[in-house]
Amino acid sequence: MFEHDDNIQLSVPVIWSKLGFDVLYTLSVSEKEDYLHRGIEALEGRIGDMRINALQYEMNSWK
């Protein structure tokens, strides 16, 4: 998790076919507010979706 210019970005590591990637997502305003009030529990659904549907998100290769 990173904060930049008042935005919070999630980074979730995934491995496919022996290749590693970071799946990236910038929280919406409502997700950010929920996270600031409830903590990491507020992001469990989003993190799970990022792992399952990684191809629908921005991805950075570890190499």
PDB file of N, CA and C in Angstrom:
ATOM      1  N   MET A   1       0.857  -1.153   0.000  1.00  0.00           N
ATOM      2  CA  MET A   1       0.000   0.000   0.000  1.00  0.00           C
ATOM      3  C   MET A   1       0.911   1.226   0.000  1.00  0.00           C
ATOM      4  N   PHE A   2       0.598   2.182  -0.879  1.00  0.00           N
ATOM      5  CA  PHE A   2       1.383   3.397  -1.015  1.00  0.00           C
ATOM      6  C   PHE A   2       0.455   4.603  -1.026  1.00  0.00           C
ATOM      7  N   GLU A   3       0.918   5.708  -0.484  1.00  0.00           N
ATOM      8  CA  GLU A   3       0.164   6.953  -0.565  1.00  0.00           C
ATOM      9  C   GLU A   3       0.981   7.932  -1.389  1.00  0.00           C
ATOM     10  N   HIS A   4       0.310   8.555  -2.377  1.00  0.00           N
ATOM     11  CA  HIS A   4       0.981   9.509  -3.256  1.00  0.00           C
ATOM     12  C   HIS A   4      -0.039  10.558  -3.704  1.00  0.00           C
ATOM     13  N   ASP A   5       0.291  11.822  -3.520  1.00  0.00           N
ATOM     14  CA  ASP A   5      -0.605  12.917  -3.931  1.00  0.00           C
ATOM     15  C   ASP A   5      -2.022  12.730  -3.401  1.00  0.00           C
ATOM     16  N   ASP A   6      -2.148  12.364  -2.139  1.00  0.00           N
ATOM     17  CA  ASP A   6      -3.432  12.184  -1.464  1.00  0.00           C
ATOM     18  C   ASP A   6      -4.241  11.001  -2.007  1.00  0.00           C
ATOM     19  N   ASN A   7      -3.599  10.116  -2.771  1.00  0.00           N
ATOM     20  CA  ASN A   7      -4.234   8.885  -3.249  1.00  0.00           C
ATOM     21  C   ASN A   7      -3.577   7.702  -2.559  1.00  0.00           C
ATOM     22  N   ILE A   8      -4.349   6.645  -2.360  1.00  0.00           N
ATOM     23  CA  ILE A   8      -3.802   5.416  -1.800  1.00  0.00           C
ATOM     24  C   ILE A   8      -3.872   4.348  -2.879  1.00  0.00           C
ATOM     25  N   GLN A   9      -2.723   3.699  -3.123  1.00  0.00           N
ATOM     26  CA  GLN A   9      -2.652   2.659  -4.135  1.00  0.00           C
ATOM     27  C   GLN A   9      -2.321   1.324  -3.465  1.00  0.00           C
ATOM     28  N   LEU A  10      -3.107   0.308  -3.802  1.00  0.00           N
ATOM     29  CA  LEU A  10      -2.849  -1.045  -3.324  1.00  0.00           C
ATOM     30  C   LEU A  10      -1.905  -1.740  -4.284  1.00  0.00           C
ATOM     31  N   SER A  11      -1.045  -2.569  -3.752  1.00  0.00           N
ATOM     32  CA  SER A  11      -0.155  -3.401  -4.543  1.00  0.00           C
ATOM     33  C   SER A  11      -0.246  -4.810  -3.981  1.00  0.00           C
ATOM     34  N   VAL A  12      -0.761  -5.743  -4.787  1.00  0.00           N
ATOM     35  CA  VAL A  12      -0.977  -7.121  -4.345  1.00  0.00           C
ATOM     36  C   VAL A  12      -0.102  -8.043  -5.188  1.00  0.00           C
ATOM     37  N   PRO A  13       0.801  -8.805  -4.569  1.00  0.00           N
ATOM     38  CA  PRO A  13       1.650  -9.713  -5.340  1.00  0.00           C
ATOM     39  C   PRO A  13       0.880 -10.961  -5.783  1.00  0.00           C
ATOM     40  N   VAL A  14       1.117 -11.369  -7.029  1.00  0.00           N
ATOM     41  CA  VAL A  14       0.545 -12.610  -7.555  1.00  0.00           C
ATOM     42  C   VAL A  14       1.619 -13.328  -8.363  1.00  0.00           C
ATOM     43  N   ILE A  15       1.501 -14.654  -8.441  1.00  0.00           N
ATOM     44  CA  ILE A  15       2.436 -15.454  -9.231  1.00  0.00           C
ATOM     45  C   ILE A  15       1.622 -16.301 -10.201  1.00  0.00           C
ATOM     46  N   TRP A  16       1.984 -16.215 -11.486  1.00  0.00           N
ATOM     47  CA  TRP A  16       1.363 -17.027 -12.538  1.00  0.00           C
ATOM     48  C   TRP A  16       2.453 -17.659 -13.366  1.00  0.00           C
ATOM     49  N   SER A  17       2.349 -18.944 -13.585  1.00  0.00           N
ATOM     50  CA  SER A  17       3.304 -19.663 -14.433  1.00  0.00           C
ATOM     51  C   SER A  17       4.743 -19.310 -14.086  1.00  0.00           C
ATOM     52  N   LYS A  18       5.027 -19.279 -12.803  1.00  0.00           N
ATOM     53  CA  LYS A  18       6.365 -18.987 -12.276  1.00  0.00           C
ATOM     54  C   LYS A  18       6.818 -17.555 -12.519  1.00  0.00           C
ATOM     55  N   LEU A  19       5.916 -16.678 -12.949  1.00  0.00           N
ATOM     56  CA  LEU A  19       6.231 -15.261 -13.126  1.00  0.00           C
ATOM     57  C   LEU A  19       5.528 -14.472 -12.037  1.00  0.00           C
ATOM     58  N   GLY A  20       6.219 -13.476 -11.491  1.00  0.00           N
ATOM     59  CA  GLY A  20       5.647 -12.669 -10.426  1.00  0.00           C
ATOM     60  C   GLY A  20       5.222 -11.299 -10.909  1.00  0.00           C
ATOM     61  N   PHE A  21       4.109 -10.826 -10.390  1.00  0.00           N
ATOM     62  CA  PHE A  21       3.568  -9.518 -10.743  1.00  0.00           C
ATOM     63  C   PHE A  21       3.043  -8.819  -9.496  1.00  0.00           C
ATOM     64  N   ASP A  22       3.056  -7.510  -9.528  1.00  0.00           N
ATOM     65  CA  ASP A  22       2.321  -6.702  -8.570  1.00  0.00           C
ATOM     66  C   ASP A  22       1.076  -6.206  -9.284  1.00  0.00           C
ATOM     67  N   VAL A  23      -0.077  -6.470  -8.708  1.00  0.00           N
ATOM     68  CA  VAL A  23      -1.349  -5.988  -9.244  1.00  0.00           C
ATOM     69  C   VAL A  23      -1.638  -4.672  -8.526  1.00  0.00           C
ATOM     70  N   LEU A  24      -1.913  -3.605  -9.283  1.00  0.00           N
ATOM     71  CA  LEU A  24      -2.045  -2.265  -8.729  1.00  0.00           C
ATOM     72  C   LEU A  24      -3.462  -1.729  -8.885  1.00  0.00           C
ATOM     73  N   TYR A  25      -3.897  -0.984  -7.877  1.00  0.00           N
ATOM     74  CA  TYR A  25      -5.214  -0.357  -7.912  1.00  0.00           C
ATOM     75  C   TYR A  25      -5.198   0.880  -7.023  1.00  0.00           C
ATOM     76  N   THR A  26      -5.705   1.996  -7.536  1.00  0.00           N
ATOM     77  CA  THR A  26      -5.840   3.222  -6.758  1.00  0.00           C
ATOM     78  C   THR A  26      -7.244   3.275  -6.174  1.00  0.00           C
ATOM     79  N   LEU A  27      -7.328   3.431  -4.859  1.00  0.00           N
ATOM     80  CA  LEU A  27      -8.620   3.450  -4.185  1.00  0.00           C
ATOM     81  C   LEU A  27      -9.474   4.630  -4.640  1.00  0.00           C
ATOM     82  N   SER A  28     -10.777   4.391  -4.769  1.00  0.00           N
ATOM     83  CA  SER A  28     -11.725   5.472  -5.030  1.00  0.00           C
ATOM     84  C   SER A  28     -11.845   6.302  -3.751  1.00  0.00           C
ATOM     85  N   VAL A  29     -12.483   7.446  -3.848  1.00  0.00           N
ATOM     86  CA  VAL A  29     -12.665   8.314  -2.678  1.00  0.00           C
ATOM     87  C   VAL A  29     -13.431   7.576  -1.577  1.00  0.00           C
ATOM     88  N   SER A  30     -14.494   6.881  -1.952  1.00  0.00           N
ATOM     89  CA  SER A  30     -15.288   6.172  -0.932  1.00  0.00           C
ATOM     90  C   SER A  30     -14.503   5.008  -0.324  1.00  0.00           C
ATOM     91  N   GLU A  31     -13.715   4.290  -1.136  1.00  0.00           N
ATOM     92  CA  GLU A  31     -12.894   3.200  -0.607  1.00  0.00           C
ATOM     93  C   GLU A  31     -11.824   3.742   0.348  1.00  0.00           C
ATOM     94  N   LYS A  32     -11.250   4.876  -0.009  1.00  0.00           N
ATOM     95  CA  LYS A  32     -10.235   5.488   0.843  1.00  0.00           C
ATOM     96  C   LYS A  32     -10.841   5.898   2.192  1.00  0.00           C
ATOM     97  N   GLU A  33     -12.003   6.530   2.165  1.00  0.00           N
ATOM     98  CA  GLU A  33     -12.670   6.940   3.407  1.00  0.00           C
ATOM     99  C   GLU A  33     -13.009   5.726   4.272  1.00  0.00           C
ATOM    100  N   ASP A  34     -13.508   4.667   3.636  1.00  0.00           N
ATOM    101  CA  ASP A  34     -13.842   3.449   4.361  1.00  0.00           C
ATOM    102  C   ASP A  34     -12.585   2.845   4.986  1.00  0.00           C
ATOM    103  N   TYR A  35     -11.486   2.811   4.229  1.00  0.00           N
ATOM    104  CA  TYR A  35     -10.224   2.293   4.752  1.00  0.00           C
ATOM    105  C   TYR A  35      -9.740   3.120   5.942  1.00  0.00           C
ATOM    106  N   LEU A  36      -9.829   4.434   5.857  1.00  0.00           N
ATOM    107  CA  LEU A  36      -9.364   5.298   6.938  1.00  0.00           C
ATOM    108  C   LEU A  36     -10.202   5.121   8.206  1.00  0.00           C
ATOM    109  N   HIS A  37     -11.468   4.705   8.057  1.00  0.00           N
ATOM    110  CA  HIS A  37     -12.340   4.489   9.215  1.00  0.00           C
ATOM    111  C   HIS A  37     -12.255   3.063   9.758  1.00  0.00           C
ATOM    112  N   ARG A  38     -12.184   2.072   8.861  1.00  0.00           N
ATOM    113  CA  ARG A  38     -12.265   0.667   9.280  1.00  0.00           C
ATOM    114  C   ARG A  38     -10.944  -0.089   9.220  1.00  0.00           C
ATOM    115  N   GLY A  39      -9.961   0.471   8.541  1.00  0.00           N
ATOM    116  CA  GLY A  39      -8.674  -0.209   8.418  1.00  0.00           C
ATOM    117  C   GLY A  39      -8.674  -1.231   7.295  1.00  0.00           C
ATOM    118  N   ILE A  40      -7.728  -2.149   7.364  1.00  0.00           N
ATOM    119  CA  ILE A  40      -7.506  -3.114   6.289  1.00  0.00           C
ATOM    120  C   ILE A  40      -8.721  -4.000   6.024  1.00  0.00           C
ATOM    121  N   GLU A  41      -9.571  -4.215   7.024  1.00  0.00           N
ATOM    122  CA  GLU A  41     -10.791  -5.011   6.821  1.00  0.00           C
ATOM    123  C   GLU A  41     -11.646  -4.452   5.696  1.00  0.00           C
ATOM    124  N   ALA A  42     -11.623  -3.149   5.521  1.00  0.00           N
ATOM    125  CA  ALA A  42     -12.423  -2.503   4.475  1.00  0.00           C
ATOM    126  C   ALA A  42     -11.942  -2.872   3.083  1.00  0.00           C
ATOM    127  N   LEU A  43     -10.716  -3.356   2.963  1.00  0.00           N
ATOM    128  CA  LEU A  43     -10.130  -3.640   1.647  1.00  0.00           C
ATOM    129  C   LEU A  43     -10.061  -5.123   1.318  1.00  0.00           C
ATOM    130  N   GLU A  44     -10.502  -5.984   2.210  1.00  0.00           N
ATOM    131  CA  GLU A  44     -10.376  -7.421   1.987  1.00  0.00           C
ATOM    132  C   GLU A  44     -11.055  -7.877   0.700  1.00  0.00           C
ATOM    133  N   GLY A  45     -12.245  -7.354   0.415  1.00  0.00           N
ATOM    134  CA  GLY A  45     -12.952  -7.721  -0.814  1.00  0.00           C
ATOM    135  C   GLY A  45     -12.207  -7.276  -2.052  1.00  0.00           C
ATOM    136  N   ARG A  46     -11.691  -6.058  -2.038  1.00  0.00           N
ATOM    137  CA  ARG A  46     -10.941  -5.537  -3.187  1.00  0.00           C
ATOM    138  C   ARG A  46      -9.657  -6.337  -3.400  1.00  0.00           C
ATOM    139  N   ILE A  47      -8.949  -6.647  -2.321  1.00  0.00           N
ATOM    140  CA  ILE A  47      -7.702  -7.416  -2.435  1.00  0.00           C
ATOM    141  C   ILE A  47      -7.992  -8.804  -3.003  1.00  0.00           C
ATOM    142  N   GLY A  48      -9.055  -9.436  -2.538  1.00  0.00           N
ATOM    143  CA  GLY A  48      -9.439 -10.741  -3.082  1.00  0.00           C
ATOM    144  C   GLY A  48      -9.767 -10.664  -4.560  1.00  0.00           C
ATOM    145  N   ASP A  49     -10.489  -9.622  -4.964  1.00  0.00           N
ATOM    146  CA  ASP A  49     -10.822  -9.442  -6.376  1.00  0.00           C
ATOM    147  C   ASP A  49      -9.560  -9.204  -7.205  1.00  0.00           C
ATOM    148  N   MET A  50      -8.611  -8.471  -6.658  1.00  0.00           N
ATOM    149  CA  MET A  50      -7.358  -8.206  -7.373  1.00  0.00           C
ATOM    150  C   MET A  50      -6.592  -9.501  -7.626  1.00  0.00           C
ATOM    151  N   ARG A  51      -6.647 -10.434  -6.701  1.00  0.00           N
ATOM    152  CA  ARG A  51      -5.953 -11.717  -6.877  1.00  0.00           C
ATOM    153  C   ARG A  51      -6.666 -12.596  -7.909  1.00  0.00           C
ATOM    154  N   ILE A  52      -7.984 -12.609  -7.866  1.00  0.00           N
ATOM    155  CA  ILE A  52      -8.760 -13.465  -8.761  1.00  0.00           C
ATOM    156  C   ILE A  52      -8.821 -12.894 -10.177  1.00  0.00           C
ATOM    157  N   ASN A  53      -9.011 -11.590 -10.294  1.00  0.00           N
ATOM    158  CA  ASN A  53      -9.210 -10.939 -11.590  1.00  0.00           C
ATOM    159  C   ASN A  53      -8.046 -10.014 -11.947  1.00  0.00           C
ATOM    160  N   ALA A  54      -6.839 -10.460 -11.680  1.00  0.00           N
ATOM    161  CA  ALA A  54      -5.650  -9.622 -11.837  1.00  0.00           C
ATOM    162  C   ALA A  54      -5.525  -9.017 -13.235  1.00  0.00           C
ATOM    163  N   LEU A  55      -5.964  -9.730 -14.256  1.00  0.00           N
ATOM    164  CA  LEU A  55      -5.821  -9.221 -15.626  1.00  0.00           C
ATOM    165  C   LEU A  55      -6.682  -7.989 -15.894  1.00  0.00           C
ATOM    166  N   GLN A  56      -7.628  -7.711 -15.021  1.00  0.00           N
ATOM    167  CA  GLN A  56      -8.474  -6.532 -15.182  1.00  0.00           C
ATOM    168  C   GLN A  56      -7.868  -5.293 -14.523  1.00  0.00           C
ATOM    169  N   TYR A  57      -6.696  -5.438 -13.923  1.00  0.00           N
ATOM    170  CA  TYR A  57      -6.017  -4.359 -13.223  1.00  0.00           C
ATOM    171  C   TYR A  57      -4.674  -4.059 -13.885  1.00  0.00           C
ATOM    172  N   GLU A  58      -4.093  -2.950 -13.496  1.00  0.00           N
ATOM    173  CA  GLU A  58      -2.729  -2.640 -13.929  1.00  0.00           C
ATOM    174  C   GLU A  58      -1.785  -3.630 -13.256  1.00  0.00           C
ATOM    175  N   MET A  59      -0.798  -4.105 -14.014  1.00  0.00           N
ATOM    176  CA  MET A  59       0.148  -5.080 -13.466  1.00  0.00           C
ATOM    177  C   MET A  59       1.574  -4.669 -13.803  1.00  0.00           C
ATOM    178  N   ASN A  60       2.482  -4.892 -12.840  1.00  0.00           N
ATOM    179  CA  ASN A  60       3.918  -4.659 -13.050  1.00  0.00           C
ATOM    180  C   ASN A  60       4.650  -5.960 -12.831  1.00  0.00           C
ATOM    181  N   SER A  61       5.473  -6.355 -13.800  1.00  0.00           N
ATOM    182  CA  SER A  61       6.266  -7.575 -13.679  1.00  0.00           C
ATOM    183  C   SER A  61       7.405  -7.367 -12.692  1.00  0.00           C
ATOM    184  N   TRP A  62       7.779  -8.422 -11.992  1.00  0.00           N
ATOM    185  CA  TRP A  62       8.897  -8.336 -11.064  1.00  0.00           C
ATOM    186  C   TRP A  62      10.227  -8.304 -11.791  1.00  0.00           C
ATOM    187  N   LYS A  63      10.251  -8.693 -13.049  1.00  0.00           N
ATOM    188  CA  LYS A  63      11.520  -8.694 -13.800  1.00  0.00           C
ATOM    189  C   LYS A  63      11.711  -7.405 -14.532  1.00  0.00           C
TER     190      LYS A  63
END
